[in-house]
């Protein structure tokens, strides 16, 4: 176990280095640059721009800028926002809770609903329910997330008036019930695609387990169908789904970016787009690295959890 953890740790370090290098180069080679916002200031001269670039360390060669940024990040200094001068980690922490709340609620919906649909489709393979859920899953996977968000806003906010159109809470309220009401639409929209994916994988895993010899043996021994289903079929079908949960993290983060923008949800996805618009490169790099760390930790946790619940797997 220790050897496996050390190996995964060094692999993660290498991956983070590659992600940081590619992200830094792409951002700094993109048109505009971090000084583009200053050029919009009335009366800004070239001499003043050169002075700002020297103060921010932007007049040095790009490889030197990257190494300097990387060394500071390793020491815990992720830089300061070009927008308001606050530390990057402080800026991210102010939006972290909103994103984790949205991702957590949508994941819970995806797991519960997707597992139920997948198991029911497997048990009723070839029926109308099975075909209907398959078509619904294909539709959910084919249509962009932002379209679902706009339709949800039009239907439940503008037409029916049941739910707020956006934001995380009502100004001046901020009660638990108010948070919950604002969370319903974004979490449902973000969960929609993941429900489709989860239900399809769960259906395949359940059908595979149902064809195994130990299930037929359990039925032949006269065990109650519900006991066979819950203990032998569902329990074993859920094991590969743990790995899927880890692999779904990048999809969740990407979906959160779109969902937070549509519903003006004050999370890291909305912060990422705002920072790109302001060419706030330190914050963009901070969000990129934080997301990469979150994905790597999530996949490692999924691997360890699979090893704990499945005695056939050994992490050597």
C-alpha atoms as a PDB file:
ATOM      1  CA  UNK A   1       0.000   0.000   0.000  1.00  0.00           C
ATOM      2  CA  UNK A   2       2.798   2.433   0.955  1.00  0.00           C
ATOM      3  CA  UNK A   3       4.663   1.643  -2.248  1.00  0.00           C
ATOM      4  CA  UNK A   4       1.526   2.248  -4.305  1.00  0.00           C
ATOM      5  CA  UNK A   5       0.832   5.566  -2.566  1.00  0.00           C
ATOM      6  CA  UNK A   6       4.408   6.743  -3.143  1.00  0.00           C
ATOM      7  CA  UNK A   7       4.202   5.775  -6.811  1.00  0.00           C
ATOM      8  CA  UNK A   8       0.909   7.610  -7.259  1.00  0.00           C
ATOM      9  CA  UNK A   9       2.329  10.620  -5.410  1.00  0.00           C
ATOM     10  CA  UNK A  10       5.262  10.945  -7.807  1.00  0.00           C
ATOM     11  CA  UNK A  11       2.993  10.392 -10.802  1.00  0.00           C
ATOM     12  CA  UNK A  12       0.753  13.170  -9.524  1.00  0.00           C
ATOM     13  CA  UNK A  13       3.720  15.511  -9.124  1.00  0.00           C
ATOM     14  CA  UNK A  14       4.799  14.870 -12.727  1.00  0.00           C
ATOM     15  CA  UNK A  15       1.247  15.386 -14.022  1.00  0.00           C
ATOM     16  CA  UNK A  16       0.863  18.635 -12.064  1.00  0.00           C
ATOM     17  CA  UNK A  17       4.165  19.864 -13.493  1.00  0.00           C
ATOM     18  CA  UNK A  18       3.012  19.087 -17.053  1.00  0.00           C
ATOM     19  CA  UNK A  19      -0.374  20.743 -16.461  1.00  0.00           C
ATOM     20  CA  UNK A  20       1.263  23.843 -15.004  1.00  0.00           C
ATOM     21  CA  UNK A  21       3.783  24.118 -17.840  1.00  0.00           C
ATOM     22  CA  UNK A  22       1.176  23.781 -20.601  1.00  0.00           C
ATOM     23  CA  UNK A  23      -1.276  26.100 -18.839  1.00  0.00           C
ATOM     24  CA  UNK A  24       1.326  28.784 -18.185  1.00  0.00           C
ATOM     25  CA  UNK A  25       2.647  28.742 -21.754  1.00  0.00           C
ATOM     26  CA  UNK A  26      -0.814  28.786 -23.352  1.00  0.00           C
ATOM     27  CA  UNK A  27      -2.007  31.673 -21.185  1.00  0.00           C
ATOM     28  CA  UNK A  28       1.051  33.817 -21.760  1.00  0.00           C
ATOM     29  CA  UNK A  29       1.218  33.140 -25.493  1.00  0.00           C
ATOM     30  CA  UNK A  30      -2.452  33.958 -26.018  1.00  0.00           C
ATOM     31  CA  UNK A  31      -3.312  37.318 -27.670  1.00  0.00           C
ATOM     32  CA  UNK A  32      -3.688  40.260 -25.339  1.00  0.00           C
ATOM     33  CA  UNK A  33      -1.573  39.442 -22.327  1.00  0.00           C
ATOM     34  CA  UNK A  34      -1.879  40.544 -18.695  1.00  0.00           C
ATOM     35  CA  UNK A  35      -1.158  44.184 -19.573  1.00  0.00           C
ATOM     36  CA  UNK A  36      -4.069  44.487 -22.002  1.00  0.00           C
ATOM     37  CA  UNK A  37      -6.384  45.814 -19.274  1.00  0.00           C
ATOM     38  CA  UNK A  38      -3.979  48.656 -18.514  1.00  0.00           C
ATOM     39  CA  UNK A  39      -3.947  49.766 -22.149  1.00  0.00           C
ATOM     40  CA  UNK A  40      -7.633  50.689 -21.763  1.00  0.00           C
ATOM     41  CA  UNK A  41      -6.785  53.292 -19.123  1.00  0.00           C
ATOM     42  CA  UNK A  42      -7.069  56.827 -20.582  1.00  0.00           C
ATOM     43  CA  UNK A  43      -3.697  58.529 -20.900  1.00  0.00           C
ATOM     44  CA  UNK A  44      -1.684  55.317 -20.486  1.00  0.00           C
ATOM     45  CA  UNK A  45       1.722  55.673 -22.145  1.00  0.00           C
ATOM     46  CA  UNK A  46       4.246  53.097 -23.292  1.00  0.00           C
ATOM     47  CA  UNK A  47       6.664  54.214 -20.598  1.00  0.00           C
ATOM     48  CA  UNK A  48       4.016  53.640 -17.936  1.00  0.00           C
ATOM     49  CA  UNK A  49       3.248  50.190 -19.360  1.00  0.00           C
ATOM     50  CA  UNK A  50       6.944  49.295 -19.306  1.00  0.00           C
ATOM     51  CA  UNK A  51       7.137  50.442 -15.694  1.00  0.00           C
ATOM     52  CA  UNK A  52       4.123  48.290 -14.727  1.00  0.00           C
ATOM     53  CA  UNK A  53       5.597  45.309 -16.580  1.00  0.00           C
ATOM     54  CA  UNK A  54       8.858  45.697 -14.657  1.00  0.00           C
ATOM     55  CA  UNK A  55       7.047  45.932 -11.332  1.00  0.00           C
ATOM     56  CA  UNK A  56       5.036  42.768 -12.118  1.00  0.00           C
ATOM     57  CA  UNK A  57       8.067  40.897 -13.451  1.00  0.00           C
ATOM     58  CA  UNK A  58       6.546  40.584 -16.924  1.00  0.00           C
ATOM     59  CA  UNK A  59       9.556  41.986 -18.763  1.00  0.00           C
ATOM     60  CA  UNK A  60      11.651  38.879 -18.087  1.00  0.00           C
ATOM     61  CA  UNK A  61      11.914  35.858 -20.436  1.00  0.00           C
ATOM     62  CA  UNK A  62       8.900  33.554 -20.244  1.00  0.00           C
ATOM     63  CA  UNK A  63      10.835  30.499 -18.948  1.00  0.00           C
ATOM     64  CA  UNK A  64      12.202  32.611 -16.072  1.00  0.00           C
ATOM     65  CA  UNK A  65       8.700  33.837 -15.259  1.00  0.00           C
ATOM     66  CA  UNK A  66       7.457  30.240 -15.179  1.00  0.00           C
ATOM     67  CA  UNK A  67      10.244  28.978 -12.930  1.00  0.00           C
ATOM     68  CA  UNK A  68       9.743  31.917 -10.587  1.00  0.00           C
ATOM     69  CA  UNK A  69       5.983  31.259 -10.439  1.00  0.00           C
ATOM     70  CA  UNK A  70       6.515  27.511  -9.923  1.00  0.00           C
ATOM     71  CA  UNK A  71       8.989  28.060  -7.067  1.00  0.00           C
ATOM     72  CA  UNK A  72       6.655  30.481  -5.329  1.00  0.00           C
ATOM     73  CA  UNK A  73       3.692  28.114  -5.763  1.00  0.00           C
ATOM     74  CA  UNK A  74       5.625  25.218  -4.205  1.00  0.00           C
ATOM     75  CA  UNK A  75       6.302  27.470  -1.216  1.00  0.00           C
ATOM     76  CA  UNK A  76       2.613  28.265  -0.861  1.00  0.00           C
ATOM     77  CA  UNK A  77       2.637  31.659  -2.584  1.00  0.00           C
ATOM     78  CA  UNK A  78       0.306  31.332  -5.580  1.00  0.00           C
ATOM     79  CA  UNK A  79       0.650  35.003  -6.454  1.00  0.00           C
ATOM     80  CA  UNK A  80      -1.729  37.947  -6.253  1.00  0.00           C
ATOM     81  CA  UNK A  81      -4.695  38.787  -8.418  1.00  0.00           C
ATOM     82  CA  UNK A  82      -4.066  41.411 -11.092  1.00  0.00           C
ATOM     83  CA  UNK A  83      -7.636  42.533 -10.575  1.00  0.00           C
ATOM     84  CA  UNK A  84      -7.654  43.542  -6.902  1.00  0.00           C
ATOM     85  CA  UNK A  85      -4.250  42.531  -5.535  1.00  0.00           C
ATOM     86  CA  UNK A  86      -5.581  39.874  -3.148  1.00  0.00           C
ATOM     87  CA  UNK A  87      -3.724  36.541  -2.761  1.00  0.00           C
ATOM     88  CA  UNK A  88      -4.879  33.914  -5.253  1.00  0.00           C
ATOM     89  CA  UNK A  89      -5.586  31.313  -2.562  1.00  0.00           C
ATOM     90  CA  UNK A  90      -7.799  33.813  -0.742  1.00  0.00           C
ATOM     91  CA  UNK A  91      -9.708  34.562  -3.947  1.00  0.00           C
ATOM     92  CA  UNK A  92     -10.245  30.849  -4.647  1.00  0.00           C
ATOM     93  CA  UNK A  93     -11.273  30.071  -1.065  1.00  0.00           C
ATOM     94  CA  UNK A  94     -14.058  32.668  -1.266  1.00  0.00           C
ATOM     95  CA  UNK A  95     -15.634  30.712  -4.146  1.00  0.00           C
ATOM     96  CA  UNK A  96     -14.720  27.163  -3.110  1.00  0.00           C
ATOM     97  CA  UNK A  97     -17.731  26.475  -0.897  1.00  0.00           C
ATOM     98  CA  UNK A  98     -20.215  27.388  -3.640  1.00  0.00           C
ATOM     99  CA  UNK A  99     -18.613  24.993  -6.116  1.00  0.00           C
ATOM    100  CA  UNK A 100     -18.300  22.130  -3.616  1.00  0.00           C
ATOM    101  CA  UNK A 101     -21.946  22.616  -2.614  1.00  0.00           C
ATOM    102  CA  UNK A 102     -23.081  22.483  -6.240  1.00  0.00           C
ATOM    103  CA  UNK A 103     -20.868  19.512  -7.127  1.00  0.00           C
ATOM    104  CA  UNK A 104     -21.796  17.599  -3.971  1.00  0.00           C
ATOM    105  CA  UNK A 105     -25.546  18.001  -4.434  1.00  0.00           C
ATOM    106  CA  UNK A 106     -25.409  17.136  -8.140  1.00  0.00           C
ATOM    107  CA  UNK A 107     -23.243  14.078  -7.416  1.00  0.00           C
ATOM    108  CA  UNK A 108     -25.724  12.856  -4.821  1.00  0.00           C
ATOM    109  CA  UNK A 109     -28.572  13.247  -7.314  1.00  0.00           C
ATOM    110  CA  UNK A 110     -26.556  11.494 -10.041  1.00  0.00           C
ATOM    111  CA  UNK A 111     -25.659   8.522  -7.854  1.00  0.00           C
ATOM    112  CA  UNK A 112     -29.123   7.972  -6.382  1.00  0.00           C
ATOM    113  CA  UNK A 113     -31.176   8.515  -9.546  1.00  0.00           C
ATOM    114  CA  UNK A 114     -28.644   6.979 -11.941  1.00  0.00           C
ATOM    115  CA  UNK A 115     -28.223   3.850  -9.793  1.00  0.00           C
ATOM    116  CA  UNK A 116     -31.989   3.339  -9.529  1.00  0.00           C
ATOM    117  CA  UNK A 117     -32.534   3.796 -13.274  1.00  0.00           C
ATOM    118  CA  UNK A 118     -29.581   1.541 -14.152  1.00  0.00           C
ATOM    119  CA  UNK A 119     -30.694  -1.313 -11.885  1.00  0.00           C
ATOM    120  CA  UNK A 120     -34.328  -1.069 -12.983  1.00  0.00           C
ATOM    121  CA  UNK A 121     -33.301  -1.003 -16.668  1.00  0.00           C
ATOM    122  CA  UNK A 122     -31.146  -4.117 -16.175  1.00  0.00           C
ATOM    123  CA  UNK A 123     -33.902  -5.996 -14.371  1.00  0.00           C
ATOM    124  CA  UNK A 124     -36.375  -5.023 -17.108  1.00  0.00           C
ATOM    125  CA  UNK A 125     -34.055  -5.264 -20.099  1.00  0.00           C
ATOM    126  CA  UNK A 126     -35.909  -5.092 -23.384  1.00  0.00           C
ATOM    127  CA  UNK A 127     -39.020  -3.471 -21.911  1.00  0.00           C
ATOM    128  CA  UNK A 128     -40.519  -0.054 -22.655  1.00  0.00           C
ATOM    129  CA  UNK A 129     -38.843   1.377 -19.540  1.00  0.00           C
ATOM    130  CA  UNK A 130     -35.426   0.170 -20.710  1.00  0.00           C
ATOM    131  CA  UNK A 131     -35.835   1.650 -24.194  1.00  0.00           C
ATOM    132  CA  UNK A 132     -37.248   4.919 -22.826  1.00  0.00           C
ATOM    133  CA  UNK A 133     -34.348   5.436 -20.416  1.00  0.00           C
ATOM    134  CA  UNK A 134     -31.845   4.617 -23.161  1.00  0.00           C
ATOM    135  CA  UNK A 135     -33.360   7.237 -25.461  1.00  0.00           C
ATOM    136  CA  UNK A 136     -33.512   9.772 -22.619  1.00  0.00           C
ATOM    137  CA  UNK A 137     -29.845   9.134 -21.800  1.00  0.00           C
ATOM    138  CA  UNK A 138     -28.813   9.656 -25.421  1.00  0.00           C
ATOM    139  CA  UNK A 139     -30.763  12.922 -25.549  1.00  0.00           C
ATOM    140  CA  UNK A 140     -29.201  14.150 -22.290  1.00  0.00           C
ATOM    141  CA  UNK A 141     -25.718  13.334 -23.579  1.00  0.00           C
ATOM    142  CA  UNK A 142     -26.334  15.011 -26.949  1.00  0.00           C
ATOM    143  CA  UNK A 143     -27.733  18.380 -25.871  1.00  0.00           C
ATOM    144  CA  UNK A 144     -25.400  21.031 -24.338  1.00  0.00           C
ATOM    145  CA  UNK A 145     -25.668  21.704 -20.607  1.00  0.00           C
ATOM    146  CA  UNK A 146     -26.231  25.440 -21.086  1.00  0.00           C
ATOM    147  CA  UNK A 147     -29.317  24.689 -23.214  1.00  0.00           C
ATOM    148  CA  UNK A 148     -30.837  22.649 -20.395  1.00  0.00           C
ATOM    149  CA  UNK A 149     -30.050  25.511 -18.031  1.00  0.00           C
ATOM    150  CA  UNK A 150     -31.754  28.118 -20.199  1.00  0.00           C
ATOM    151  CA  UNK A 151     -34.811  25.889 -20.672  1.00  0.00           C
ATOM    152  CA  UNK A 152     -34.993  25.316 -16.915  1.00  0.00           C
ATOM    153  CA  UNK A 153     -34.821  29.064 -16.225  1.00  0.00           C
ATOM    154  CA  UNK A 154     -37.529  29.805 -18.781  1.00  0.00           C
ATOM    155  CA  UNK A 155     -39.814  27.018 -17.536  1.00  0.00           C
ATOM    156  CA  UNK A 156     -39.463  27.131 -13.755  1.00  0.00           C
ATOM    157  CA  UNK A 157     -38.605  30.816 -13.264  1.00  0.00           C
ATOM    158  CA  UNK A 158     -40.157  32.900 -16.035  1.00  0.00           C
ATOM    159  CA  UNK A 159     -43.170  30.753 -16.915  1.00  0.00           C
ATOM    160  CA  UNK A 160     -44.165  28.940 -13.710  1.00  0.00           C
ATOM    161  CA  UNK A 161     -42.408  31.241 -11.229  1.00  0.00           C
ATOM    162  CA  UNK A 162     -41.554  28.370  -8.895  1.00  0.00           C
ATOM    163  CA  UNK A 163     -37.786  28.834  -8.548  1.00  0.00           C
ATOM    164  CA  UNK A 164     -35.326  31.756  -8.647  1.00  0.00           C
ATOM    165  CA  UNK A 165     -33.504  32.237 -11.937  1.00  0.00           C
ATOM    166  CA  UNK A 166     -30.023  32.482 -10.478  1.00  0.00           C
ATOM    167  CA  UNK A 167     -27.605  33.441  -7.706  1.00  0.00           C
ATOM    168  CA  UNK A 168     -26.859  31.438  -4.578  1.00  0.00           C
ATOM    169  CA  UNK A 169     -29.209  33.188  -2.168  1.00  0.00           C
ATOM    170  CA  UNK A 170     -31.575  36.125  -1.917  1.00  0.00           C
ATOM    171  CA  UNK A 171     -29.906  39.305  -0.696  1.00  0.00           C
ATOM    172  CA  UNK A 172     -31.069  39.998   2.849  1.00  0.00           C
ATOM    173  CA  UNK A 173     -32.253  36.431   3.427  1.00  0.00           C
ATOM    174  CA  UNK A 174     -29.539  33.782   3.313  1.00  0.00           C
ATOM    175  CA  UNK A 175     -31.488  31.182   5.315  1.00  0.00           C
ATOM    176  CA  UNK A 176     -30.954  27.442   4.818  1.00  0.00           C
ATOM    177  CA  UNK A 177     -34.265  27.127   2.966  1.00  0.00           C
ATOM    178  CA  UNK A 178     -33.328  30.025   0.685  1.00  0.00           C
ATOM    179  CA  UNK A 179     -30.005  28.342  -0.170  1.00  0.00           C
ATOM    180  CA  UNK A 180     -31.846  25.082  -0.907  1.00  0.00           C
ATOM    181  CA  UNK A 181     -34.342  26.737  -3.247  1.00  0.00           C
ATOM    182  CA  UNK A 182     -31.574  28.447  -5.219  1.00  0.00           C
ATOM    183  CA  UNK A 183     -29.634  25.164  -5.385  1.00  0.00           C
ATOM    184  CA  UNK A 184     -32.412  23.083  -6.977  1.00  0.00           C
ATOM    185  CA  UNK A 185     -32.128  24.149 -10.618  1.00  0.00           C
ATOM    186  CA  UNK A 186     -28.316  24.346 -10.958  1.00  0.00           C
ATOM    187  CA  UNK A 187     -27.778  21.007  -9.223  1.00  0.00           C
ATOM    188  CA  UNK A 188     -30.458  19.297 -11.327  1.00  0.00           C
ATOM    189  CA  UNK A 189     -29.040  20.682 -14.584  1.00  0.00           C
ATOM    190  CA  UNK A 190     -25.469  19.715 -13.643  1.00  0.00           C
ATOM    191  CA  UNK A 191     -26.630  16.249 -12.573  1.00  0.00           C
ATOM    192  CA  UNK A 192     -28.605  15.570 -15.744  1.00  0.00           C
ATOM    193  CA  UNK A 193     -25.697  14.458 -17.936  1.00  0.00           C
ATOM    194  CA  UNK A 194     -24.086  12.537 -15.080  1.00  0.00           C
ATOM    195  CA  UNK A 195     -27.356  10.696 -14.396  1.00  0.00           C
ATOM    196  CA  UNK A 196     -27.353   9.565 -18.024  1.00  0.00           C
ATOM    197  CA  UNK A 197     -23.754   8.331 -17.810  1.00  0.00           C
ATOM    198  CA  UNK A 198     -24.198   6.705 -14.405  1.00  0.00           C
ATOM    199  CA  UNK A 199     -27.416   4.901 -15.393  1.00  0.00           C
ATOM    200  CA  UNK A 200     -25.855   3.429 -18.552  1.00  0.00           C
ATOM    201  CA  UNK A 201     -22.773   2.167 -16.707  1.00  0.00           C
ATOM    202  CA  UNK A 202     -24.906   0.838 -13.855  1.00  0.00           C
ATOM    203  CA  UNK A 203     -27.142  -1.014 -16.280  1.00  0.00           C
ATOM    204  CA  UNK A 204     -24.153  -2.685 -17.954  1.00  0.00           C
ATOM    205  CA  UNK A 205     -22.524  -3.566 -14.623  1.00  0.00           C
ATOM    206  CA  UNK A 206     -25.771  -5.025 -13.265  1.00  0.00           C
ATOM    207  CA  UNK A 207     -26.360  -7.150 -16.376  1.00  0.00           C
ATOM    208  CA  UNK A 208     -22.777  -8.424 -16.159  1.00  0.00           C
ATOM    209  CA  UNK A 209     -23.148  -9.421 -12.500  1.00  0.00           C
ATOM    210  CA  UNK A 210     -26.544 -11.064 -13.123  1.00  0.00           C
ATOM    211  CA  UNK A 211     -24.885 -13.458 -15.589  1.00  0.00           C
ATOM    212  CA  UNK A 212     -22.264 -14.631 -13.081  1.00  0.00           C
ATOM    213  CA  UNK A 213     -22.302 -18.148 -11.588  1.00  0.00           C
ATOM    214  CA  UNK A 214     -22.536 -16.990  -7.971  1.00  0.00           C
ATOM    215  CA  UNK A 215     -25.829 -15.211  -8.707  1.00  0.00           C
ATOM    216  CA  UNK A 216     -27.298 -18.335 -10.280  1.00  0.00           C
ATOM    217  CA  UNK A 217     -26.056 -20.347  -7.293  1.00  0.00           C
ATOM    218  CA  UNK A 218     -27.694 -17.924  -4.853  1.00  0.00           C
ATOM    219  CA  UNK A 219     -30.992 -18.241  -6.722  1.00  0.00           C
ATOM    220  CA  UNK A 220     -30.703 -22.038  -6.815  1.00  0.00           C
ATOM    221  CA  UNK A 221     -30.201 -22.132  -3.036  1.00  0.00           C
ATOM    222  CA  UNK A 222     -33.623 -20.563  -2.639  1.00  0.00           C
ATOM    223  CA  UNK A 223     -32.571 -17.120  -1.392  1.00  0.00           C
ATOM    224  CA  UNK A 224     -35.233 -14.433  -1.564  1.00  0.00           C
ATOM    225  CA  UNK A 225     -35.065 -12.411  -4.815  1.00  0.00           C
ATOM    226  CA  UNK A 226     -34.666  -9.159  -2.860  1.00  0.00           C
ATOM    227  CA  UNK A 227     -31.728 -10.582  -0.898  1.00  0.00           C
ATOM    228  CA  UNK A 228     -30.080 -11.809  -4.096  1.00  0.00           C
ATOM    229  CA  UNK A 229     -30.591  -8.399  -5.675  1.00  0.00           C
ATOM    230  CA  UNK A 230     -29.306  -6.250  -2.798  1.00  0.00           C
ATOM    231  CA  UNK A 231     -26.489  -8.452  -1.487  1.00  0.00           C
ATOM    232  CA  UNK A 232     -25.143 -10.238  -4.533  1.00  0.00           C
ATOM    233  CA  UNK A 233     -26.081  -8.151  -7.558  1.00  0.00           C
ATOM    234  CA  UNK A 234     -26.141  -4.498  -6.482  1.00  0.00           C
ATOM    235  CA  UNK A 235     -23.227  -4.858  -4.064  1.00  0.00           C
ATOM    236  CA  UNK A 236     -20.933  -6.243  -6.765  1.00  0.00           C
ATOM    237  CA  UNK A 237     -22.222  -3.962  -9.523  1.00  0.00           C
ATOM    238  CA  UNK A 238     -21.401  -0.861  -7.466  1.00  0.00           C
ATOM    239  CA  UNK A 239     -17.682  -1.712  -7.188  1.00  0.00           C
ATOM    240  CA  UNK A 240     -16.685  -0.527 -10.705  1.00  0.00           C
ATOM    241  CA  UNK A 241     -18.951   2.490 -10.260  1.00  0.00           C
ATOM    242  CA  UNK A 242     -16.616   3.817  -7.565  1.00  0.00           C
ATOM    243  CA  UNK A 243     -13.911   4.183 -10.210  1.00  0.00           C
ATOM    244  CA  UNK A 244     -16.426   5.925 -12.470  1.00  0.00           C
ATOM    245  CA  UNK A 245     -17.144   8.428  -9.699  1.00  0.00           C
ATOM    246  CA  UNK A 246     -13.468   9.397  -9.687  1.00  0.00           C
ATOM    247  CA  UNK A 247     -13.354   9.672 -13.470  1.00  0.00           C
ATOM    248  CA  UNK A 248     -16.443  11.906 -13.443  1.00  0.00           C
ATOM    249  CA  UNK A 249     -14.660  14.691 -11.515  1.00  0.00           C
ATOM    250  CA  UNK A 250     -13.303  16.462 -14.630  1.00  0.00           C
ATOM    251  CA  UNK A 251     -16.787  16.289 -16.172  1.00  0.00           C
ATOM    252  CA  UNK A 252     -18.287  17.752 -13.008  1.00  0.00           C
ATOM    253  CA  UNK A 253     -15.781  20.604 -12.980  1.00  0.00           C
ATOM    254  CA  UNK A 254     -16.367  21.365 -16.652  1.00  0.00           C
ATOM    255  CA  UNK A 255     -20.116  21.186 -16.199  1.00  0.00           C
ATOM    256  CA  UNK A 256     -19.909  23.395 -13.124  1.00  0.00           C
ATOM    257  CA  UNK A 257     -18.179  26.070 -15.196  1.00  0.00           C
ATOM    258  CA  UNK A 258     -21.094  26.192 -17.643  1.00  0.00           C
ATOM    259  CA  UNK A 259     -23.801  25.786 -15.015  1.00  0.00           C
ATOM    260  CA  UNK A 260     -22.391  28.478 -12.740  1.00  0.00           C
ATOM    261  CA  UNK A 261     -22.257  30.881 -15.669  1.00  0.00           C
ATOM    262  CA  UNK A 262     -25.867  30.230 -16.717  1.00  0.00           C
ATOM    263  CA  UNK A 263     -27.219  30.528 -13.172  1.00  0.00           C
ATOM    264  CA  UNK A 264     -24.769  33.255 -12.018  1.00  0.00           C
ATOM    265  CA  UNK A 265     -23.629  30.872  -9.276  1.00  0.00           C
ATOM    266  CA  UNK A 266     -20.628  32.403  -7.434  1.00  0.00           C
ATOM    267  CA  UNK A 267     -18.331  29.383  -7.670  1.00  0.00           C
ATOM    268  CA  UNK A 268     -14.924  28.626  -9.132  1.00  0.00           C
ATOM    269  CA  UNK A 269     -16.313  28.121 -12.648  1.00  0.00           C
ATOM    270  CA  UNK A 270     -17.776  31.614 -12.726  1.00  0.00           C
ATOM    271  CA  UNK A 271     -14.555  32.970 -11.225  1.00  0.00           C
ATOM    272  CA  UNK A 272     -12.549  31.231 -13.962  1.00  0.00           C
ATOM    273  CA  UNK A 273     -14.505  32.909 -16.765  1.00  0.00           C
ATOM    274  CA  UNK A 274     -14.414  36.313 -15.049  1.00  0.00           C
ATOM    275  CA  UNK A 275     -10.653  36.001 -14.541  1.00  0.00           C
ATOM    276  CA  UNK A 276     -10.151  35.085 -18.197  1.00  0.00           C
ATOM    277  CA  UNK A 277     -12.129  38.158 -19.191  1.00  0.00           C
ATOM    278  CA  UNK A 278      -9.880  40.370 -17.066  1.00  0.00           C
ATOM    279  CA  UNK A 279      -6.701  38.515 -18.130  1.00  0.00           C
ATOM    280  CA  UNK A 280      -6.119  37.790 -14.444  1.00  0.00           C
ATOM    281  CA  UNK A 281      -3.514  35.103 -15.140  1.00  0.00           C
ATOM    282  CA  UNK A 282      -2.488  34.337 -11.523  1.00  0.00           C
ATOM    283  CA  UNK A 283      -6.085  33.487 -10.602  1.00  0.00           C
ATOM    284  CA  UNK A 284      -6.601  31.460 -13.793  1.00  0.00           C
ATOM    285  CA  UNK A 285      -3.418  29.465 -13.110  1.00  0.00           C
ATOM    286  CA  UNK A 286      -4.440  29.004  -9.494  1.00  0.00           C
ATOM    287  CA  UNK A 287      -7.842  27.637 -10.514  1.00  0.00           C
ATOM    288  CA  UNK A 288      -6.227  25.361 -13.093  1.00  0.00           C
ATOM    289  CA  UNK A 289      -3.807  23.892 -10.547  1.00  0.00           C
ATOM    290  CA  UNK A 290      -6.459  23.610  -7.837  1.00  0.00           C
ATOM    291  CA  UNK A 291      -8.784  21.745 -10.214  1.00  0.00           C
ATOM    292  CA  UNK A 292      -5.959  19.416 -11.281  1.00  0.00           C
ATOM    293  CA  UNK A 293      -5.134  18.637  -7.642  1.00  0.00           C
ATOM    294  CA  UNK A 294      -8.803  18.002  -6.897  1.00  0.00           C
ATOM    295  CA  UNK A 295      -9.099  15.557  -9.813  1.00  0.00           C
ATOM    296  CA  UNK A 296      -5.920  13.673  -8.855  1.00  0.00           C
ATOM    297  CA  UNK A 297      -6.959  13.380  -5.207  1.00  0.00           C
ATOM    298  CA  UNK A 298     -10.432  12.226  -6.226  1.00  0.00           C
ATOM    299  CA  UNK A 299      -9.070   9.494  -8.488  1.00  0.00           C
ATOM    300  CA  UNK A 300      -6.630   8.314  -5.816  1.00  0.00           C
ATOM    301  CA  UNK A 301      -9.429   8.178  -3.239  1.00  0.00           C
ATOM    302  CA  UNK A 302     -11.568   6.163  -5.684  1.00  0.00           C
ATOM    303  CA  UNK A 303      -8.750   3.649  -6.255  1.00  0.00           C
ATOM    304  CA  UNK A 304      -8.193   3.208  -2.523  1.00  0.00           C
ATOM    305  CA  UNK A 305     -11.912   2.793  -1.877  1.00  0.00           C
ATOM    306  CA  UNK A 306     -12.194   0.128  -4.596  1.00  0.00           C
ATOM    307  CA  UNK A 307      -9.285  -1.760  -3.013  1.00  0.00           C
ATOM    308  CA  UNK A 308     -10.991  -1.637   0.381  1.00  0.00           C
ATOM    309  CA  UNK A 309     -14.381  -2.921  -0.795  1.00  0.00           C
ATOM    310  CA  UNK A 310     -13.090  -5.500  -3.295  1.00  0.00           C
ATOM    311  CA  UNK A 311     -10.839  -8.160  -1.678  1.00  0.00           C
ATOM    312  CA  UNK A 312      -9.646  -9.301  -5.113  1.00  0.00           C
ATOM    313  CA  UNK A 313      -7.715  -6.059  -5.605  1.00  0.00           C
ATOM    314  CA  UNK A 314      -4.369  -5.540  -3.943  1.00  0.00           C
ATOM    315  CA  UNK A 315      -2.411  -2.308  -4.183  1.00  0.00           C
ATOM    316  CA  UNK A 316       1.223  -3.416  -4.106  1.00  0.00           C
END
